[in-house]
Every structure is written in structure tokens, then in C-alpha cells.
Amino acid sequence: MSVDEKTLLIVDDEAIIHRGLDRTFRKEPYRLLHAYDSAEAWAILERHPEVAAIICDHYMPGTTGLDLLREVRVRYPDLATILLTAQADLQLVIRAINDGHVHRFYTKPWSSAQLREELRVLLRGATDSGGRDAHGKSLEDRIREELMPMQDAETGAFILEDPTV
């Protein structure tokens, strides 16, 4: 591992997501560690204190990603935290933001370019005091722009599509 290389922990119960994140970060100076549930994530965090960021799915067997990240923030307050989910609901986003358990929130599929850039900013500790991302947007602005237009009026469900396709 080089001096500039950072270690990321990916936590998701789906192998396809691990492969997708491997592709997202393949040209970045990151060492990726993989866990498929929260128990495995805790074991990796114990063995690898060099982990700089955790990217975690929300809906997994055993515990939710938000619950895992809530405890991670208590035990490892300097760790950058990113929550991924394919089934975003506004209450989940609000809890994640208001409780301060995550630095970033992404829906699946994610924008690889945006995820790479915002992770760089998080790892540099370069967010300003207003909690703005690399493009000057607050998390609340991103929710309003990205999630709200995709909410189905009848069911309240979010329609998730990759904006880069």
C-alpha cells in the first residue's frame, strides 16, 4: 500500500454491488475491503484500523446500514460514511441527515463520477462548514433535486434511474 492509498470498506449483501464499486474505484488510489453483512464489517474494522471510509448498503439481512453506520460513527468518529440504497424513502434520508450518521447518501444506481469526486473530498476533509459537497450543494439540495422529482405521486415510492444513462 502506497502512502497516498486509502482503504475503503464496502458493505453490501449483493456481490454485483461489490463488483460495481470495484469498477467505480478501479483507477483510484484505494484499497478495497469487502464485507457482506455487519458482522463481517465489524471484524474487518477491528483488523484494519487504517480504513478511512465505509460505503454501506442500507437494506441488508441482520441490521440496516443506517444502524451499522450509527454505531460506526460512535466507535470510529473520523471514518467517512456513505449510505447506499436502492429503496430510498424520504424518512430514511431525513433520519440519516438529522442524526448525523452519514456524510453522504446515494441511491442505486449511483453516478460513478460523482461518487468518486465526493469521496475524494470526504477523504481530504474538504467539506466546508455548511456541509456542502464538491459541487457546492448541500445534501438537502441534492435530495430536492435528485429524489423528489422521482417520487411517484400515487404510491410515494421513488423511481430510481441512473442519470448518466
Protein backbone atom coordinates (compact mmCIF):
# COMPACT_ATOMS: atom_id res chain seq x y z
CA MET A 1 0.00 0.00 0.00
CA SER A 2 1.43 3.40 -1.01
CA VAL A 3 1.47 6.41 1.30
CA ASP A 4 -1.38 8.06 -0.64
CA GLU A 5 -3.52 4.92 -0.88
CA LYS A 6 -6.63 4.93 1.32
CA THR A 7 -8.52 1.86 2.47
CA LEU A 8 -12.28 1.68 1.85
CA LEU A 9 -14.69 -0.85 3.31
CA ILE A 10 -17.62 -1.82 1.09
CA VAL A 11 -20.57 -3.39 2.96
CA ASP A 12 -23.38 -4.86 0.87
CA ASP A 13 -25.09 -8.23 0.74
CA GLU A 14 -25.05 -8.29 -3.07
CA ALA A 15 -21.91 -9.35 -4.96
CA ILE A 16 -22.98 -7.31 -8.02
CA ILE A 17 -22.75 -4.10 -5.97
CA HIS A 18 -19.25 -5.03 -4.82
CA ARG A 19 -18.24 -5.55 -8.45
CA GLY A 20 -19.83 -2.25 -9.46
CA LEU A 21 -17.97 -0.35 -6.75
CA ASP A 22 -14.76 -2.15 -7.73
CA ARG A 23 -15.29 -0.74 -11.25
CA THR A 24 -16.14 2.71 -9.90
CA PHE A 25 -12.86 2.91 -7.98
CA ARG A 26 -10.57 0.82 -10.22
CA LYS A 27 -8.40 3.79 -11.24
CA GLU A 28 -8.40 5.43 -7.82
CA PRO A 29 -5.64 5.02 -5.20
CA TYR A 30 -7.85 2.95 -2.90
CA ARG A 31 -7.51 -0.47 -1.39
CA LEU A 32 -10.99 -2.02 -1.22
CA LEU A 33 -12.06 -4.40 1.52
CA HIS A 34 -15.38 -6.24 1.22
CA ALA A 35 -17.98 -7.31 3.77
CA TYR A 36 -21.34 -8.90 3.03
CA ASP A 37 -23.01 -8.17 6.38
CA SER A 38 -22.50 -6.09 9.52
CA ALA A 39 -20.75 -8.85 11.49
CA GLU A 40 -18.15 -9.21 8.75
CA ALA A 41 -17.81 -5.40 8.61
CA TRP A 42 -17.06 -5.22 12.34
CA ALA A 43 -14.45 -7.97 12.03
CA ILE A 44 -12.73 -6.09 9.19
CA LEU A 45 -12.80 -2.79 11.08
CA GLU A 46 -11.17 -4.49 14.08
CA ARG A 47 -8.39 -5.98 11.92
CA HIS A 48 -7.89 -2.91 9.71
CA PRO A 49 -7.67 0.34 11.69
CA GLU A 50 -6.44 2.04 8.50
CA VAL A 51 -9.96 2.01 6.98
CA ALA A 52 -10.67 5.63 6.01
CA ALA A 53 -14.23 5.28 4.66
CA ILE A 54 -17.13 2.87 4.71
CA ILE A 55 -19.66 2.61 1.88
CA CYS A 56 -22.65 0.67 3.12
CA ASP A 57 -25.95 -0.60 1.74
CA HIS A 58 -29.00 0.21 3.83
CA TYR A 59 -31.19 -2.88 3.41
CA MET A 60 -29.20 -5.95 4.43
CA PRO A 61 -30.01 -9.06 6.43
CA GLY A 62 -29.42 -8.72 10.17
CA THR A 63 -29.21 -4.97 10.56
CA THR A 64 -29.73 -1.90 8.46
CA GLY A 65 -26.86 0.10 7.03
CA LEU A 66 -28.04 3.16 8.95
CA ASP A 67 -27.85 1.21 12.22
CA LEU A 68 -24.38 -0.02 11.32
CA LEU A 69 -23.19 3.48 10.39
CA ARG A 70 -24.74 4.92 13.55
CA GLU A 71 -22.53 2.60 15.63
CA VAL A 72 -19.52 3.12 13.35
CA ARG A 73 -19.75 6.89 13.95
CA VAL A 74 -19.69 6.25 17.72
CA ARG A 75 -16.70 3.89 17.64
CA TYR A 76 -14.82 5.47 14.71
CA PRO A 77 -15.85 9.15 14.56
CA ASP A 78 -13.20 10.07 11.97
CA LEU A 79 -14.34 7.45 9.45
CA ALA A 80 -16.08 8.84 6.35
CA THR A 81 -19.50 7.22 5.94
CA ILE A 82 -21.60 6.78 2.80
CA LEU A 83 -25.00 5.10 2.72
CA LEU A 84 -26.28 3.44 -0.48
CA THR A 85 -29.79 2.23 -1.08
CA ALA A 86 -31.98 1.13 -3.97
CA GLN A 87 -35.14 1.77 -1.95
CA ALA A 88 -34.79 5.36 -0.77
CA ASP A 89 -37.59 6.85 1.21
CA LEU A 90 -37.67 10.40 2.46
CA GLN A 91 -37.89 9.37 6.14
CA LEU A 92 -34.68 7.33 5.80
CA VAL A 93 -32.88 10.27 4.18
CA ILE A 94 -34.09 12.66 6.87
CA ARG A 95 -33.02 10.28 9.68
CA ALA A 96 -29.60 9.77 8.10
CA ILE A 97 -29.05 13.53 7.77
CA ASN A 98 -30.60 14.75 11.01
CA ASP A 99 -28.94 12.13 13.16
CA GLY A 100 -25.60 12.91 11.54
CA HIS A 101 -24.71 9.26 10.95
CA VAL A 102 -23.70 9.60 7.31
CA HIS A 103 -21.58 12.04 5.37
CA ARG A 104 -23.20 11.17 2.04
CA PHE A 105 -26.33 9.39 0.85
CA TYR A 106 -26.58 7.77 -2.60
CA THR A 107 -29.28 5.90 -4.41
CA LYS A 108 -28.55 2.85 -6.54
CA PRO A 109 -27.60 3.09 -9.27
CA TRP A 110 -25.10 5.79 -8.39
CA SER A 111 -23.21 8.25 -10.53
CA SER A 112 -19.66 6.86 -10.53
CA ALA A 113 -18.07 10.21 -11.32
CA GLN A 114 -19.97 11.97 -8.54
CA LEU A 115 -19.24 9.22 -6.01
CA ARG A 116 -15.52 9.29 -6.85
CA GLU A 117 -15.33 13.08 -6.57
CA GLU A 118 -17.28 13.35 -3.34
CA LEU A 119 -15.27 10.53 -1.76
CA ARG A 120 -12.06 12.40 -2.66
CA VAL A 121 -13.47 15.48 -0.91
CA LEU A 122 -14.53 13.48 2.16
CA LEU A 123 -11.14 11.81 2.46
CA ARG A 124 -9.39 15.18 2.21
CA GLY A 125 -11.74 16.56 4.86
CA ALA A 126 -12.52 19.39 2.49
CA THR A 127 -16.23 19.88 3.13
CA ASP A 128 -16.97 23.39 4.25
CA SER A 129 -18.81 24.26 7.46
CA GLY A 130 -22.10 24.27 5.58
CA GLY A 131 -21.83 20.57 4.76
CA ARG A 132 -21.65 21.20 1.03
CA ASP A 133 -20.39 18.66 -1.48
CA ALA A 134 -17.68 19.09 -4.09
CA HIS A 135 -20.16 20.98 -6.30
CA GLY A 136 -21.32 23.38 -3.58
CA LYS A 137 -24.63 21.61 -2.98
CA SER A 138 -25.94 20.66 0.44
CA LEU A 139 -27.29 17.16 0.96
CA GLU A 140 -30.75 18.68 1.29
CA ASP A 141 -30.32 20.37 -2.13
CA ARG A 142 -29.30 17.03 -3.68
CA ILE A 143 -32.36 15.31 -2.19
CA ARG A 144 -34.64 18.01 -3.52
CA GLU A 145 -33.07 17.87 -7.00
CA GLU A 146 -32.46 14.14 -7.33
CA LEU A 147 -35.02 12.28 -5.23
CA MET A 148 -38.11 14.42 -5.13
CA PRO A 149 -38.67 14.58 -8.92
CA MET A 150 -38.52 10.77 -8.97
CA GLN A 151 -41.22 10.22 -6.38
CA ASP A 152 -44.39 8.62 -7.72
CA ALA A 153 -47.39 10.78 -6.80
CA GLU A 154 -49.74 7.83 -6.21
CA THR A 155 -47.58 5.42 -4.25
CA GLY A 156 -44.94 7.70 -2.73
CA ALA A 157 -42.25 5.31 -3.98
CA PHE A 158 -39.11 6.65 -5.56
CA ILE A 159 -38.35 5.83 -9.18
CA LEU A 160 -34.60 5.34 -9.39
CA GLU A 161 -32.78 5.62 -12.67
CA ASP A 162 -29.14 6.20 -13.43
CA PRO A 163 -28.97 9.83 -14.65
CA THR A 164 -25.82 9.05 -16.66
CA VAL A 165 -27.56 6.55 -18.95
